């Protein structure tokens, strides 16, 4: 079993195309590409964390899209997930949380406070924060403690947890040697 992460798919959201300059002709093309990209890496028995802002569409389309997505799905609620109840998300096949600790990372929609996060890292086994929400602006987060998995930063596909772990470890080592 592999573990994957993704955030901010905004399935069927036409305005996200212009807000984030997504490279798709329309919302349907984007949604189909995101589903294909997801299923090309996530296998049915894999675990996938979606770090918020899943859908921007009708209830019927949510069901249609969710049924097509591989993996055991865990949702960390995002700001655009407010109008959908936990019960509805569960019917769509998602376990629902506001944040989640996985191994030695905190998974959240919003990046956690940097000072608090650095303090927690210094005093516990916590290694960092994997988040979403920022879309392309996630590039600006300190890379030694954060990994933003908004689709704009992951080539519009889920990213493997082990790759994130390695990336943060390498960046911490580089930062340690640079200081």
N, C-alpha and C. Protein backbone atom coordinates (compact mmCIF):
# COMPACT_ATOMS: atom_id res chain seq x y z
N UNK A 1 0.83 -1.18 0.00
CA UNK A 1 0.00 0.00 0.00
C UNK A 1 0.88 1.25 0.00
N UNK A 2 0.56 2.18 -0.88
CA UNK A 2 1.22 3.48 -0.91
C UNK A 2 0.33 4.52 -0.25
N UNK A 3 0.96 5.60 0.20
CA UNK A 3 0.24 6.72 0.80
C UNK A 3 0.48 7.95 -0.07
N UNK A 4 -0.61 8.62 -0.42
CA UNK A 4 -0.57 9.76 -1.34
C UNK A 4 -1.22 10.97 -0.70
N UNK A 5 -0.84 12.16 -1.21
CA UNK A 5 -1.46 13.40 -0.75
C UNK A 5 -1.75 14.31 -1.93
N UNK A 6 -2.82 15.09 -1.78
CA UNK A 6 -3.21 16.06 -2.80
C UNK A 6 -4.06 17.12 -2.10
N UNK A 7 -4.16 18.28 -2.69
CA UNK A 7 -5.01 19.32 -2.14
C UNK A 7 -5.53 20.23 -3.25
N UNK A 8 -6.64 20.85 -2.95
CA UNK A 8 -7.18 21.93 -3.79
C UNK A 8 -7.51 21.49 -5.22
N UNK A 9 -8.13 20.32 -5.35
CA UNK A 9 -8.53 19.88 -6.69
C UNK A 9 -9.59 20.80 -7.28
N UNK A 10 -10.50 21.27 -6.45
CA UNK A 10 -11.59 22.15 -6.93
C UNK A 10 -12.28 21.53 -8.15
N UNK A 11 -12.62 20.24 -8.06
CA UNK A 11 -13.28 19.58 -9.19
C UNK A 11 -14.46 20.42 -9.70
N UNK A 12 -14.50 20.66 -10.99
CA UNK A 12 -15.56 21.38 -11.71
C UNK A 12 -15.59 22.89 -11.47
N UNK A 13 -14.60 23.46 -10.83
CA UNK A 13 -14.59 24.90 -10.53
C UNK A 13 -14.00 25.69 -11.70
N UNK A 14 -14.87 26.33 -12.45
CA UNK A 14 -14.39 27.01 -13.66
C UNK A 14 -13.53 28.23 -13.34
N UNK A 15 -13.83 28.95 -12.26
CA UNK A 15 -13.06 30.17 -11.96
C UNK A 15 -11.64 29.88 -11.49
N UNK A 16 -11.39 28.69 -10.94
CA UNK A 16 -10.03 28.36 -10.51
C UNK A 16 -9.07 28.32 -11.72
N UNK A 17 -9.63 28.07 -12.89
CA UNK A 17 -8.81 28.05 -14.10
C UNK A 17 -8.11 29.39 -14.29
N UNK A 18 -8.83 30.49 -14.11
CA UNK A 18 -8.20 31.80 -14.29
C UNK A 18 -7.48 32.27 -13.03
N UNK A 19 -8.02 31.97 -11.83
CA UNK A 19 -7.36 32.39 -10.59
C UNK A 19 -5.95 31.84 -10.50
N UNK A 20 -5.79 30.59 -10.91
CA UNK A 20 -4.49 29.92 -10.79
C UNK A 20 -3.85 29.63 -12.15
N UNK A 21 -4.43 30.15 -13.19
CA UNK A 21 -3.88 29.94 -14.54
C UNK A 21 -3.65 28.45 -14.82
N UNK A 22 -4.64 27.64 -14.47
CA UNK A 22 -4.53 26.20 -14.72
C UNK A 22 -4.58 25.93 -16.22
N UNK A 23 -3.78 24.99 -16.69
CA UNK A 23 -3.59 24.78 -18.13
C UNK A 23 -4.65 23.90 -18.80
N UNK A 24 -5.91 24.22 -18.56
CA UNK A 24 -6.99 23.43 -19.13
C UNK A 24 -7.95 24.35 -19.87
N UNK A 25 -8.59 23.83 -20.91
CA UNK A 25 -9.50 24.63 -21.73
C UNK A 25 -10.78 24.99 -20.99
N UNK A 26 -11.22 24.10 -20.09
CA UNK A 26 -12.46 24.35 -19.34
C UNK A 26 -12.49 23.48 -18.09
N UNK A 27 -13.50 23.68 -17.26
CA UNK A 27 -13.59 22.96 -15.98
C UNK A 27 -13.75 21.46 -16.17
N UNK A 28 -14.49 21.04 -17.19
CA UNK A 28 -14.67 19.60 -17.42
C UNK A 28 -13.34 18.94 -17.81
N UNK A 29 -12.59 19.59 -18.69
CA UNK A 29 -11.28 19.04 -19.07
C UNK A 29 -10.38 18.94 -17.85
N UNK A 30 -10.40 19.96 -16.99
CA UNK A 30 -9.59 19.94 -15.77
C UNK A 30 -9.99 18.78 -14.87
N UNK A 31 -11.30 18.64 -14.64
CA UNK A 31 -11.79 17.57 -13.77
C UNK A 31 -11.39 16.20 -14.31
N UNK A 32 -11.56 15.97 -15.59
CA UNK A 32 -11.19 14.68 -16.18
C UNK A 32 -9.68 14.43 -16.06
N UNK A 33 -8.88 15.45 -16.28
CA UNK A 33 -7.42 15.30 -16.16
C UNK A 33 -7.03 14.99 -14.71
N UNK A 34 -7.65 15.68 -13.75
CA UNK A 34 -7.34 15.42 -12.34
C UNK A 34 -7.73 13.99 -11.94
N UNK A 35 -8.89 13.53 -12.41
CA UNK A 35 -9.31 12.15 -12.11
C UNK A 35 -8.33 11.16 -12.74
N UNK A 36 -7.97 11.36 -14.00
CA UNK A 36 -7.02 10.46 -14.66
C UNK A 36 -5.67 10.47 -13.95
N UNK A 37 -5.17 11.66 -13.60
CA UNK A 37 -3.88 11.75 -12.90
C UNK A 37 -3.93 11.04 -11.56
N UNK A 38 -5.03 11.20 -10.85
CA UNK A 38 -5.23 10.55 -9.54
C UNK A 38 -5.17 9.04 -9.73
N UNK A 39 -5.98 8.52 -10.64
CA UNK A 39 -6.09 7.07 -10.81
C UNK A 39 -4.86 6.44 -11.48
N UNK A 40 -4.04 7.23 -12.14
CA UNK A 40 -2.80 6.71 -12.72
C UNK A 40 -1.76 6.40 -11.65
N UNK A 41 -1.87 7.02 -10.48
CA UNK A 41 -0.89 6.73 -9.42
C UNK A 41 -1.51 6.05 -8.21
N UNK A 42 -2.74 6.41 -7.84
CA UNK A 42 -3.40 5.84 -6.66
C UNK A 42 -4.12 4.55 -7.06
N UNK A 43 -3.73 3.48 -6.43
CA UNK A 43 -4.36 2.19 -6.68
C UNK A 43 -5.53 1.99 -5.70
N UNK A 44 -6.45 1.08 -5.99
CA UNK A 44 -7.63 0.91 -5.13
C UNK A 44 -7.33 0.66 -3.66
N UNK A 45 -6.22 -0.02 -3.34
CA UNK A 45 -5.90 -0.32 -1.94
C UNK A 45 -4.99 0.72 -1.30
N UNK A 46 -4.61 1.76 -2.02
CA UNK A 46 -3.75 2.81 -1.47
C UNK A 46 -4.56 3.73 -0.55
N UNK A 47 -3.84 4.49 0.26
CA UNK A 47 -4.42 5.50 1.14
C UNK A 47 -4.10 6.86 0.53
N UNK A 48 -5.11 7.72 0.44
CA UNK A 48 -4.88 9.07 -0.07
C UNK A 48 -5.51 10.09 0.86
N UNK A 49 -4.70 11.07 1.23
CA UNK A 49 -5.17 12.20 2.01
C UNK A 49 -5.44 13.35 1.06
N UNK A 50 -6.67 13.87 1.11
CA UNK A 50 -7.00 15.08 0.34
C UNK A 50 -7.05 16.20 1.37
N UNK A 51 -6.17 17.20 1.21
CA UNK A 51 -6.05 18.24 2.22
C UNK A 51 -6.94 19.45 1.94
N UNK A 52 -8.12 19.18 1.46
CA UNK A 52 -9.16 20.19 1.41
C UNK A 52 -9.44 20.82 0.06
N UNK A 53 -10.64 21.37 -0.02
CA UNK A 53 -11.17 22.03 -1.21
C UNK A 53 -11.29 21.04 -2.37
N UNK A 54 -12.13 20.05 -2.16
CA UNK A 54 -12.30 18.96 -3.10
C UNK A 54 -13.15 19.37 -4.30
N UNK A 55 -14.40 19.75 -4.03
CA UNK A 55 -15.38 19.96 -5.08
C UNK A 55 -15.83 21.41 -5.19
N UNK A 56 -16.32 21.75 -6.33
CA UNK A 56 -16.98 23.03 -6.57
C UNK A 56 -18.09 22.76 -7.57
N UNK A 57 -19.05 21.90 -7.17
CA UNK A 57 -20.02 21.39 -8.13
C UNK A 57 -21.28 20.91 -7.42
N UNK A 58 -22.21 20.39 -8.16
CA UNK A 58 -23.48 19.90 -7.62
C UNK A 58 -23.29 18.57 -6.88
N UNK A 59 -24.29 18.22 -6.08
CA UNK A 59 -24.25 16.96 -5.33
C UNK A 59 -24.15 15.76 -6.27
N UNK A 60 -24.89 15.78 -7.37
CA UNK A 60 -24.85 14.67 -8.32
C UNK A 60 -23.46 14.51 -8.93
N UNK A 61 -22.83 15.62 -9.28
CA UNK A 61 -21.47 15.55 -9.85
C UNK A 61 -20.46 15.10 -8.80
N UNK A 62 -20.65 15.52 -7.56
CA UNK A 62 -19.75 15.06 -6.49
C UNK A 62 -19.77 13.54 -6.42
N UNK A 63 -20.97 12.97 -6.43
CA UNK A 63 -21.10 11.51 -6.37
C UNK A 63 -20.43 10.86 -7.58
N UNK A 64 -20.68 11.39 -8.75
CA UNK A 64 -20.10 10.86 -9.98
C UNK A 64 -18.57 10.88 -9.93
N UNK A 65 -18.02 12.00 -9.49
CA UNK A 65 -16.56 12.14 -9.42
C UNK A 65 -15.98 11.24 -8.34
N UNK A 66 -16.56 11.29 -7.14
CA UNK A 66 -16.01 10.53 -6.01
C UNK A 66 -15.98 9.03 -6.29
N UNK A 67 -17.01 8.50 -6.96
CA UNK A 67 -17.05 7.07 -7.27
C UNK A 67 -15.91 6.66 -8.20
N UNK A 68 -15.40 7.59 -8.95
CA UNK A 68 -14.35 7.29 -9.92
C UNK A 68 -12.94 7.36 -9.34
N UNK A 69 -12.79 7.86 -8.12
CA UNK A 69 -11.47 8.08 -7.54
C UNK A 69 -11.00 6.85 -6.76
N UNK A 70 -9.83 6.34 -7.09
CA UNK A 70 -9.25 5.19 -6.41
C UNK A 70 -8.81 5.54 -5.00
N UNK A 71 -8.66 4.49 -4.19
CA UNK A 71 -8.03 4.60 -2.89
C UNK A 71 -8.99 4.77 -1.74
N UNK A 72 -8.44 4.54 -0.55
CA UNK A 72 -9.16 4.86 0.70
C UNK A 72 -8.90 6.34 0.95
N UNK A 73 -9.96 7.14 0.95
CA UNK A 73 -9.84 8.58 0.95
C UNK A 73 -10.08 9.17 2.34
N UNK A 74 -9.12 9.98 2.77
CA UNK A 74 -9.26 10.75 4.01
C UNK A 74 -9.22 12.22 3.64
N UNK A 75 -10.24 12.95 4.06
CA UNK A 75 -10.33 14.38 3.78
C UNK A 75 -10.00 15.19 5.01
N UNK A 76 -9.11 16.15 4.84
CA UNK A 76 -8.86 17.19 5.83
C UNK A 76 -9.63 18.40 5.30
N UNK A 77 -10.67 18.81 6.00
CA UNK A 77 -11.56 19.86 5.50
C UNK A 77 -10.81 21.15 5.16
N UNK A 78 -11.22 21.74 4.03
CA UNK A 78 -10.71 23.03 3.61
C UNK A 78 -11.78 24.09 3.69
N UNK A 79 -11.42 25.32 3.42
CA UNK A 79 -12.36 26.42 3.52
C UNK A 79 -13.52 26.30 2.53
N UNK A 80 -13.31 25.66 1.39
CA UNK A 80 -14.39 25.50 0.41
C UNK A 80 -15.20 24.21 0.62
N UNK A 81 -14.92 23.48 1.68
CA UNK A 81 -15.67 22.26 2.00
C UNK A 81 -16.75 22.52 3.05
N UNK A 82 -16.92 23.77 3.45
CA UNK A 82 -17.84 24.13 4.54
C UNK A 82 -19.29 23.73 4.29
N UNK A 83 -19.78 23.88 3.09
CA UNK A 83 -21.19 23.63 2.82
C UNK A 83 -21.58 22.17 2.70
N UNK A 84 -20.63 21.29 2.91
CA UNK A 84 -20.89 19.85 2.76
C UNK A 84 -20.71 19.20 4.13
N UNK A 85 -21.72 18.48 4.59
CA UNK A 85 -21.65 17.86 5.92
C UNK A 85 -20.68 16.69 5.94
N UNK A 86 -20.22 16.36 7.13
CA UNK A 86 -19.38 15.17 7.30
C UNK A 86 -20.10 13.93 6.80
N UNK A 87 -21.40 13.84 7.09
CA UNK A 87 -22.19 12.70 6.63
C UNK A 87 -22.20 12.58 5.11
N UNK A 88 -22.35 13.70 4.42
CA UNK A 88 -22.33 13.69 2.96
C UNK A 88 -20.96 13.22 2.46
N UNK A 89 -19.90 13.77 3.05
CA UNK A 89 -18.56 13.33 2.63
C UNK A 89 -18.37 11.84 2.89
N UNK A 90 -18.88 11.34 4.02
CA UNK A 90 -18.75 9.90 4.30
C UNK A 90 -19.50 9.08 3.25
N UNK A 91 -20.68 9.55 2.84
CA UNK A 91 -21.42 8.86 1.78
C UNK A 91 -20.65 8.87 0.46
N UNK A 92 -19.82 9.88 0.27
CA UNK A 92 -18.99 9.98 -0.93
C UNK A 92 -17.71 9.14 -0.82
N UNK A 93 -17.51 8.52 0.35
CA UNK A 93 -16.35 7.64 0.52
C UNK A 93 -15.16 8.27 1.22
N UNK A 94 -15.34 9.41 1.86
CA UNK A 94 -14.25 10.08 2.57
C UNK A 94 -14.41 9.94 4.07
N UNK A 95 -13.32 9.60 4.79
CA UNK A 95 -13.27 9.82 6.23
C UNK A 95 -12.91 11.29 6.39
N UNK A 96 -13.49 11.98 7.37
CA UNK A 96 -13.36 13.44 7.44
C UNK A 96 -12.74 13.88 8.76
N UNK A 97 -11.76 14.79 8.66
CA UNK A 97 -11.07 15.36 9.82
C UNK A 97 -10.80 16.84 9.57
N UNK A 98 -10.51 17.57 10.65
CA UNK A 98 -10.09 18.97 10.52
C UNK A 98 -8.58 19.07 10.36
N UNK A 99 -7.87 18.15 10.93
CA UNK A 99 -6.43 17.98 10.75
C UNK A 99 -6.12 16.53 11.11
N UNK A 100 -4.90 16.09 10.83
CA UNK A 100 -4.60 14.68 11.03
C UNK A 100 -3.10 14.55 11.27
N UNK A 101 -2.71 13.76 12.25
CA UNK A 101 -1.30 13.44 12.45
C UNK A 101 -1.03 12.12 11.75
N UNK A 102 -0.10 12.13 10.82
CA UNK A 102 0.29 10.91 10.12
C UNK A 102 1.78 10.74 10.27
N UNK A 103 2.15 9.62 10.88
CA UNK A 103 3.54 9.37 11.24
C UNK A 103 4.05 10.59 11.99
N UNK A 104 5.05 11.29 11.49
CA UNK A 104 5.58 12.44 12.22
C UNK A 104 5.33 13.77 11.53
N UNK A 105 4.18 13.87 10.86
CA UNK A 105 3.76 15.10 10.19
C UNK A 105 2.34 15.46 10.60
N UNK A 106 2.06 16.75 10.64
CA UNK A 106 0.69 17.20 10.80
C UNK A 106 0.16 17.55 9.42
N UNK A 107 -0.99 16.99 9.08
CA UNK A 107 -1.64 17.24 7.81
C UNK A 107 -2.78 18.22 8.07
N UNK A 108 -2.82 19.30 7.29
CA UNK A 108 -3.83 20.33 7.50
C UNK A 108 -4.13 21.01 6.17
N UNK A 109 -5.27 21.69 6.12
CA UNK A 109 -5.55 22.48 4.92
C UNK A 109 -4.69 23.74 4.94
N UNK A 110 -4.78 24.48 6.02
CA UNK A 110 -4.01 25.72 6.16
C UNK A 110 -2.61 25.41 6.69
N UNK A 111 -1.59 26.14 6.22
CA UNK A 111 -0.27 25.99 6.84
C UNK A 111 -0.36 26.38 8.32
N UNK A 112 0.28 25.61 9.17
CA UNK A 112 0.26 25.90 10.59
C UNK A 112 1.21 27.06 10.91
N UNK A 113 0.97 27.73 12.01
CA UNK A 113 1.79 28.85 12.43
C UNK A 113 3.26 28.45 12.49
N UNK A 114 4.11 29.22 11.81
CA UNK A 114 5.52 28.82 11.69
C UNK A 114 6.24 28.77 13.03
N UNK A 115 6.03 29.74 13.90
CA UNK A 115 6.70 29.75 15.20
C UNK A 115 6.28 28.53 16.03
N UNK A 116 4.99 28.28 16.08
CA UNK A 116 4.49 27.12 16.84
C UNK A 116 5.00 25.82 16.22
N UNK A 117 5.03 25.77 14.91
CA UNK A 117 5.49 24.56 14.23
C UNK A 117 6.97 24.31 14.52
N UNK A 118 7.79 25.33 14.41
CA UNK A 118 9.23 25.17 14.70
C UNK A 118 9.45 24.76 16.15
N UNK A 119 8.67 25.31 17.07
CA UNK A 119 8.77 24.92 18.48
C UNK A 119 8.40 23.45 18.66
N UNK A 120 7.32 23.03 18.02
CA UNK A 120 6.90 21.63 18.11
C UNK A 120 7.95 20.70 17.51
N UNK A 121 8.53 21.09 16.40
CA UNK A 121 9.57 20.28 15.75
C UNK A 121 10.79 20.15 16.66
N UNK A 122 11.16 21.25 17.32
CA UNK A 122 12.33 21.24 18.20
C UNK A 122 12.12 20.41 19.46
N UNK A 123 10.86 20.27 19.89
CA UNK A 123 10.59 19.63 21.18
C UNK A 123 9.85 18.30 21.11
N UNK A 124 9.55 17.84 19.91
CA UNK A 124 8.83 16.57 19.75
C UNK A 124 9.43 15.82 18.56
N UNK A 125 8.77 14.74 18.19
CA UNK A 125 9.19 13.97 17.01
C UNK A 125 8.60 14.51 15.72
N UNK A 126 7.82 15.57 15.79
CA UNK A 126 7.20 16.15 14.60
C UNK A 126 8.28 16.63 13.62
N UNK A 127 8.06 16.34 12.34
CA UNK A 127 9.03 16.71 11.29
C UNK A 127 8.58 17.88 10.44
N UNK A 128 7.25 18.10 10.35
CA UNK A 128 6.79 19.19 9.50
C UNK A 128 5.30 19.18 9.30
N UNK A 129 4.87 20.09 8.43
CA UNK A 129 3.46 20.30 8.13
C UNK A 129 3.24 20.12 6.62
N UNK A 130 2.37 19.19 6.28
CA UNK A 130 1.96 19.03 4.88
C UNK A 130 0.59 19.68 4.79
N UNK A 131 0.45 20.60 3.85
CA UNK A 131 -0.75 21.42 3.80
C UNK A 131 -1.17 21.70 2.36
N UNK A 132 -2.21 22.48 2.24
CA UNK A 132 -2.71 22.94 0.96
C UNK A 132 -3.04 24.41 1.06
N UNK A 133 -4.18 24.79 0.52
CA UNK A 133 -4.79 26.11 0.62
C UNK A 133 -4.10 27.20 -0.20
N UNK A 134 -2.80 27.23 -0.25
CA UNK A 134 -2.09 28.35 -0.85
C UNK A 134 -1.96 28.28 -2.36
N UNK A 135 -2.29 27.13 -2.93
CA UNK A 135 -2.16 26.95 -4.39
C UNK A 135 -0.72 27.30 -4.80
N UNK A 136 -0.54 28.08 -5.84
CA UNK A 136 0.81 28.37 -6.35
C UNK A 136 1.63 29.20 -5.36
N UNK A 137 0.99 29.91 -4.45
CA UNK A 137 1.72 30.70 -3.45
C UNK A 137 2.40 29.80 -2.41
N UNK A 138 2.07 28.52 -2.41
CA UNK A 138 2.72 27.59 -1.50
C UNK A 138 4.21 27.45 -1.75
N UNK A 139 4.66 27.89 -2.91
CA UNK A 139 6.10 27.88 -3.21
C UNK A 139 6.89 28.73 -2.22
N UNK A 140 6.23 29.70 -1.61
CA UNK A 140 6.91 30.66 -0.74
C UNK A 140 7.08 30.17 0.70
N UNK A 141 6.52 29.05 1.05
CA UNK A 141 6.67 28.51 2.41
C UNK A 141 8.09 28.03 2.65
N UNK A 142 8.60 28.14 3.89
CA UNK A 142 9.92 27.56 4.20
C UNK A 142 9.91 26.05 3.94
N UNK A 143 10.75 25.62 3.06
CA UNK A 143 10.71 24.23 2.57
C UNK A 143 11.31 23.21 3.53
N UNK A 144 11.95 23.66 4.60
CA UNK A 144 12.51 22.71 5.56
C UNK A 144 11.46 22.19 6.52
N UNK A 145 10.28 22.84 6.61
CA UNK A 145 9.24 22.38 7.54
C UNK A 145 7.86 22.25 6.90
N UNK A 146 7.68 22.79 5.71
CA UNK A 146 6.38 22.74 5.05
C UNK A 146 6.48 22.05 3.70
N UNK A 147 5.39 21.39 3.33
CA UNK A 147 5.22 20.91 1.97
C UNK A 147 3.77 21.21 1.58
N UNK A 148 3.60 22.08 0.61
CA UNK A 148 2.27 22.39 0.11
C UNK A 148 1.97 21.45 -1.05
N UNK A 149 0.86 20.73 -0.96
CA UNK A 149 0.49 19.76 -1.99
C UNK A 149 -0.71 20.21 -2.81
N UNK A 150 -0.91 21.53 -2.92
CA UNK A 150 -1.92 22.04 -3.84
C UNK A 150 -1.56 21.55 -5.23
N UNK A 151 -2.56 21.21 -6.03
CA UNK A 151 -2.30 20.56 -7.32
C UNK A 151 -1.41 21.38 -8.25
N UNK A 152 -1.43 22.69 -8.11
CA UNK A 152 -0.56 23.52 -8.96
C UNK A 152 0.91 23.24 -8.71
N UNK A 153 1.23 22.70 -7.54
CA UNK A 153 2.63 22.42 -7.16
C UNK A 153 3.01 20.96 -7.30
N UNK A 154 2.06 20.11 -7.71
CA UNK A 154 2.34 18.67 -7.82
C UNK A 154 2.02 18.15 -9.22
N UNK A 155 2.08 19.04 -10.18
CA UNK A 155 1.80 18.66 -11.57
C UNK A 155 0.40 18.06 -11.71
N UNK A 156 -0.53 18.56 -10.89
CA UNK A 156 -1.94 18.17 -10.96
C UNK A 156 -2.18 16.69 -10.68
N UNK A 157 -1.33 16.11 -9.84
CA UNK A 157 -1.52 14.71 -9.46
C UNK A 157 -1.11 14.51 -8.00
N UNK A 158 -1.57 13.45 -7.37
CA UNK A 158 -1.17 13.17 -5.99
C UNK A 158 0.34 12.93 -5.91
N UNK A 159 0.90 13.25 -4.75
CA UNK A 159 2.32 13.07 -4.51
C UNK A 159 2.49 12.00 -3.42
N UNK A 160 3.50 11.18 -3.57
CA UNK A 160 3.73 10.07 -2.65
C UNK A 160 4.32 10.58 -1.34
N UNK A 161 3.79 10.07 -0.24
CA UNK A 161 4.25 10.49 1.09
C UNK A 161 5.75 10.25 1.28
N UNK A 162 6.26 9.14 0.82
CA UNK A 162 7.69 8.86 1.01
C UNK A 162 8.56 9.88 0.28
N UNK A 163 8.10 10.39 -0.86
CA UNK A 163 8.84 11.43 -1.58
C UNK A 163 8.86 12.74 -0.79
N UNK A 164 7.75 13.06 -0.14
CA UNK A 164 7.69 14.27 0.69
C UNK A 164 8.64 14.14 1.86
N UNK A 165 8.61 12.98 2.51
CA UNK A 165 9.50 12.75 3.66
C UNK A 165 10.96 12.95 3.26
N UNK A 166 11.36 12.36 2.14
CA UNK A 166 12.75 12.50 1.67
C UNK A 166 13.08 13.95 1.36
N UNK A 167 12.16 14.63 0.69
CA UNK A 167 12.39 16.03 0.29
C UNK A 167 12.60 16.93 1.51
N UNK A 168 11.77 16.78 2.53
CA UNK A 168 11.91 17.62 3.72
C UNK A 168 13.19 17.27 4.46
N UNK A 169 13.55 16.00 4.54
CA UNK A 169 14.79 15.61 5.19
C UNK A 169 15.99 16.24 4.48
N UNK A 170 16.03 16.16 3.17
CA UNK A 170 17.14 16.73 2.41
C UNK A 170 17.21 18.24 2.61
N UNK A 171 16.07 18.90 2.56
CA UNK A 171 16.06 20.36 2.75
C UNK A 171 16.53 20.76 4.14
N UNK A 172 16.17 19.97 5.16
CA UNK A 172 16.64 20.25 6.53
C UNK A 172 18.16 20.10 6.59
N UNK A 173 18.68 19.08 5.95
CA UNK A 173 20.13 18.86 5.96
C UNK A 173 20.85 20.00 5.23
N UNK A 174 20.33 20.43 4.11
CA UNK A 174 20.94 21.54 3.37
C UNK A 174 20.91 22.80 4.20
N UNK A 175 19.78 23.08 4.86
CA UNK A 175 19.67 24.28 5.69
C UNK A 175 20.67 24.21 6.84
N UNK A 176 20.82 23.03 7.44
CA UNK A 176 21.75 22.87 8.56
C UNK A 176 23.19 23.18 8.12
N UNK A 177 23.56 22.75 6.91
CA UNK A 177 24.91 22.99 6.42
C UNK A 177 25.11 24.40 5.93
N UNK A 178 24.02 25.09 5.54
CA UNK A 178 24.13 26.47 5.05
C UNK A 178 24.28 27.47 6.19
N UNK A 179 23.91 27.08 7.41
CA UNK A 179 23.95 28.05 8.52
C UNK A 179 25.26 28.00 9.26
